[in-house]
Amino acid sequence: MSVGAPIPLETWVSGPVRATIAAMTADPWRSAVLDHHQDEIRAELVSAGAAPDRSTLTLYLHVLGRAMDYIGTTAPGDALPLACVHDTGMDWFTVRIAAACQLAINEGLAA
């Protein structure tokens, strides 16, 4: 099975995720959730000995995207990760992708 090349970080950050990030940062609760998920991603990277750099975040987003595709097309019934999380009205993958993209922006890796 070929998974193709990862989507460039700039493509992730310049896409529809910008509207998601804007909606999250405009609401105090969602903004706190976004910050929380960024902190979790940072902690995951630190524990893996990885820096939050362009290649690491590109790979992180690639894996999230592949996992989301797999669950969306393979998992039977209701998949837990697709349920709304933290009373945001958004699924875990949407929140996590937005957090990874916001982390890239915060790290100066994308405008």
C-alpha atoms as a PDB file:
ATOM      1  CA  MET A   1       0.000   0.000   0.000  1.00  0.00           C
ATOM      2  CA  SER A   2       1.434   3.341  -1.016  1.00  0.00           C
ATOM      3  CA  VAL A   3       0.730   6.278   1.261  1.00  0.00           C
ATOM      4  CA  GLY A   4       2.265   8.978  -0.915  1.00  0.00           C
ATOM      5  CA  ALA A   5       4.452  11.857   0.117  1.00  0.00           C
ATOM      6  CA  PRO A   6       3.459  13.950   3.113  1.00  0.00           C
ATOM      7  CA  ILE A   7       1.545  17.143   2.403  1.00  0.00           C
ATOM      8  CA  PRO A   8       3.889  20.112   2.966  1.00  0.00           C
ATOM      9  CA  LEU A   9       3.503  21.925   6.276  1.00  0.00           C
ATOM     10  CA  GLU A  10       2.659  25.163   4.454  1.00  0.00           C
ATOM     11  CA  THR A  11      -0.286  23.461   2.757  1.00  0.00           C
ATOM     12  CA  TRP A  12      -1.665  22.239   6.080  1.00  0.00           C
ATOM     13  CA  VAL A  13      -1.288  25.651   7.704  1.00  0.00           C
ATOM     14  CA  SER A  14      -2.636  27.692   4.795  1.00  0.00           C
ATOM     15  CA  GLY A  15      -5.730  25.567   4.249  1.00  0.00           C
ATOM     16  CA  PRO A  16      -9.147  25.466   5.921  1.00  0.00           C
ATOM     17  CA  VAL A  17      -7.482  24.935   9.292  1.00  0.00           C
ATOM     18  CA  ARG A  18      -7.042  28.729   9.447  1.00  0.00           C
ATOM     19  CA  ALA A  19     -10.819  29.110   9.893  1.00  0.00           C
ATOM     20  CA  THR A  20     -10.786  26.423  12.583  1.00  0.00           C
ATOM     21  CA  ILE A  21      -7.945  28.149  14.433  1.00  0.00           C
ATOM     22  CA  ALA A  22      -9.712  31.521  14.137  1.00  0.00           C
ATOM     23  CA  ALA A  23     -12.942  30.060  15.530  1.00  0.00           C
ATOM     24  CA  MET A  24     -11.081  28.396  18.374  1.00  0.00           C
ATOM     25  CA  THR A  25      -9.046  31.460  19.359  1.00  0.00           C
ATOM     26  CA  ALA A  26     -12.159  33.668  19.262  1.00  0.00           C
ATOM     27  CA  ASP A  27     -13.786  31.627  22.049  1.00  0.00           C
ATOM     28  CA  PRO A  28     -12.105  31.482  25.487  1.00  0.00           C
ATOM     29  CA  TRP A  29     -12.959  27.808  26.118  1.00  0.00           C
ATOM     30  CA  ARG A  30     -11.949  26.616  22.663  1.00  0.00           C
ATOM     31  CA  SER A  31      -8.790  28.712  22.886  1.00  0.00           C
ATOM     32  CA  ALA A  32      -7.904  26.960  26.145  1.00  0.00           C
ATOM     33  CA  VAL A  33      -8.537  23.588  24.458  1.00  0.00           C
ATOM     34  CA  LEU A  34      -6.275  24.608  21.560  1.00  0.00           C
ATOM     35  CA  ASP A  35      -3.530  25.603  24.027  1.00  0.00           C
ATOM     36  CA  HIS A  36      -3.980  22.332  25.930  1.00  0.00           C
ATOM     37  CA  HIS A  37      -3.578  20.266  22.765  1.00  0.00           C
ATOM     38  CA  GLN A  38      -0.503  22.255  21.721  1.00  0.00           C
ATOM     39  CA  ASP A  39       0.995  21.528  25.147  1.00  0.00           C
ATOM     40  CA  GLU A  40       0.201  17.824  24.725  1.00  0.00           C
ATOM     41  CA  ILE A  41       1.834  17.726  21.297  1.00  0.00           C
ATOM     42  CA  ARG A  42       4.941  19.469  22.678  1.00  0.00           C
ATOM     43  CA  ALA A  43       5.103  16.950  25.537  1.00  0.00           C
ATOM     44  CA  GLU A  44       4.726  14.027  23.101  1.00  0.00           C
ATOM     45  CA  LEU A  45       7.550  15.378  20.957  1.00  0.00           C
ATOM     46  CA  VAL A  46       9.815  15.990  23.962  1.00  0.00           C
ATOM     47  CA  SER A  47       9.208  12.475  25.266  1.00  0.00           C
ATOM     48  CA  ALA A  48      10.114  11.120  21.818  1.00  0.00           C
ATOM     49  CA  GLY A  49      13.266  13.254  21.694  1.00  0.00           C
ATOM     50  CA  ALA A  50      11.927  15.236  18.730  1.00  0.00           C
ATOM     51  CA  ALA A  51      11.967  18.984  18.193  1.00  0.00           C
ATOM     52  CA  PRO A  52       8.860  20.844  17.018  1.00  0.00           C
ATOM     53  CA  ASP A  53      10.511  21.580  13.674  1.00  0.00           C
ATOM     54  CA  ARG A  54       9.237  21.536  10.085  1.00  0.00           C
ATOM     55  CA  SER A  55       9.958  17.876   9.368  1.00  0.00           C
ATOM     56  CA  THR A  56       8.583  16.611  12.684  1.00  0.00           C
ATOM     57  CA  LEU A  57       5.340  18.587  12.469  1.00  0.00           C
ATOM     58  CA  THR A  58       4.914  17.628   8.799  1.00  0.00           C
ATOM     59  CA  LEU A  59       5.245  13.958   9.741  1.00  0.00           C
ATOM     60  CA  TYR A  60       2.937  14.425  12.760  1.00  0.00           C
ATOM     61  CA  LEU A  61       0.240  15.952  10.537  1.00  0.00           C
ATOM     62  CA  HIS A  62       0.766  13.254   7.899  1.00  0.00           C
ATOM     63  CA  VAL A  63       0.183  10.519  10.480  1.00  0.00           C
ATOM     64  CA  LEU A  64      -2.897  12.304  11.852  1.00  0.00           C
ATOM     65  CA  GLY A  65      -4.298  12.648   8.341  1.00  0.00           C
ATOM     66  CA  ARG A  66      -3.664   8.990   7.519  1.00  0.00           C
ATOM     67  CA  ALA A  67      -5.219   7.863  10.813  1.00  0.00           C
ATOM     68  CA  MET A  68      -8.270  10.050  10.186  1.00  0.00           C
ATOM     69  CA  ASP A  69      -8.629   8.615   6.674  1.00  0.00           C
ATOM     70  CA  TYR A  70      -8.312   5.071   8.010  1.00  0.00           C
ATOM     71  CA  ILE A  71     -10.856   5.528  10.788  1.00  0.00           C
ATOM     72  CA  GLY A  72     -13.246   7.343   8.485  1.00  0.00           C
ATOM     73  CA  THR A  73     -13.182   4.561   5.899  1.00  0.00           C
ATOM     74  CA  THR A  74     -12.459   1.414   7.924  1.00  0.00           C
ATOM     75  CA  ALA A  75     -13.780   1.633  11.484  1.00  0.00           C
ATOM     76  CA  PRO A  76     -17.298   0.232  11.841  1.00  0.00           C
ATOM     77  CA  GLY A  77     -19.981   2.219  13.621  1.00  0.00           C
ATOM     78  CA  ASP A  78     -19.277   5.259  15.724  1.00  0.00           C
ATOM     79  CA  ALA A  79     -15.577   5.839  16.185  1.00  0.00           C
ATOM     80  CA  LEU A  80     -14.656   7.418  19.514  1.00  0.00           C
ATOM     81  CA  PRO A  81     -12.018   9.799  18.096  1.00  0.00           C
ATOM     82  CA  LEU A  82     -14.657  11.293  15.812  1.00  0.00           C
ATOM     83  CA  ALA A  83     -16.913  12.209  18.733  1.00  0.00           C
ATOM     84  CA  CYS A  84     -16.891  15.828  19.872  1.00  0.00           C
ATOM     85  CA  VAL A  85     -14.258  16.524  22.510  1.00  0.00           C
ATOM     86  CA  HIS A  86     -14.029  18.991  25.384  1.00  0.00           C
ATOM     87  CA  ASP A  87     -17.457  20.471  24.571  1.00  0.00           C
ATOM     88  CA  THR A  88     -15.970  22.182  21.522  1.00  0.00           C
ATOM     89  CA  GLY A  89     -18.348  20.739  18.935  1.00  0.00           C
ATOM     90  CA  MET A  90     -15.265  19.436  17.095  1.00  0.00           C
ATOM     91  CA  ASP A  91     -13.816  15.965  16.785  1.00  0.00           C
ATOM     92  CA  TRP A  92     -10.414  15.031  18.225  1.00  0.00           C
ATOM     93  CA  PHE A  93      -8.684  14.983  14.824  1.00  0.00           C
ATOM     94  CA  THR A  94      -9.901  18.493  13.930  1.00  0.00           C
ATOM     95  CA  VAL A  95      -8.723  19.841  17.280  1.00  0.00           C
ATOM     96  CA  ARG A  96      -5.393  18.034  17.077  1.00  0.00           C
ATOM     97  CA  ILE A  97      -4.684  19.159  13.504  1.00  0.00           C
ATOM     98  CA  ALA A  98      -5.529  22.751  14.441  1.00  0.00           C
ATOM     99  CA  ALA A  99      -3.219  22.514  17.466  1.00  0.00           C
ATOM    100  CA  ALA A 100      -0.343  21.105  15.396  1.00  0.00           C
ATOM    101  CA  CYS A 101      -0.783  23.860  12.812  1.00  0.00           C
ATOM    102  CA  GLN A 102      -0.989  26.546  15.501  1.00  0.00           C
ATOM    103  CA  LEU A 103       2.184  25.103  17.042  1.00  0.00           C
ATOM    104  CA  ALA A 104       3.898  25.432  13.647  1.00  0.00           C
ATOM    105  CA  ILE A 105       2.777  29.061  13.458  1.00  0.00           C
ATOM    106  CA  ASN A 106       3.945  29.740  17.024  1.00  0.00           C
ATOM    107  CA  GLU A 107       7.321  28.165  16.254  1.00  0.00           C
ATOM    108  CA  GLY A 108       7.735  30.485  13.261  1.00  0.00           C
ATOM    109  CA  LEU A 109       7.606  27.604  10.788  1.00  0.00           C
ATOM    110  CA  ALA A 110       4.629  29.019   8.902  1.00  0.00           C
ATOM    111  CA  ALA A 111       3.106  32.459   8.523  1.00  0.00           C
END
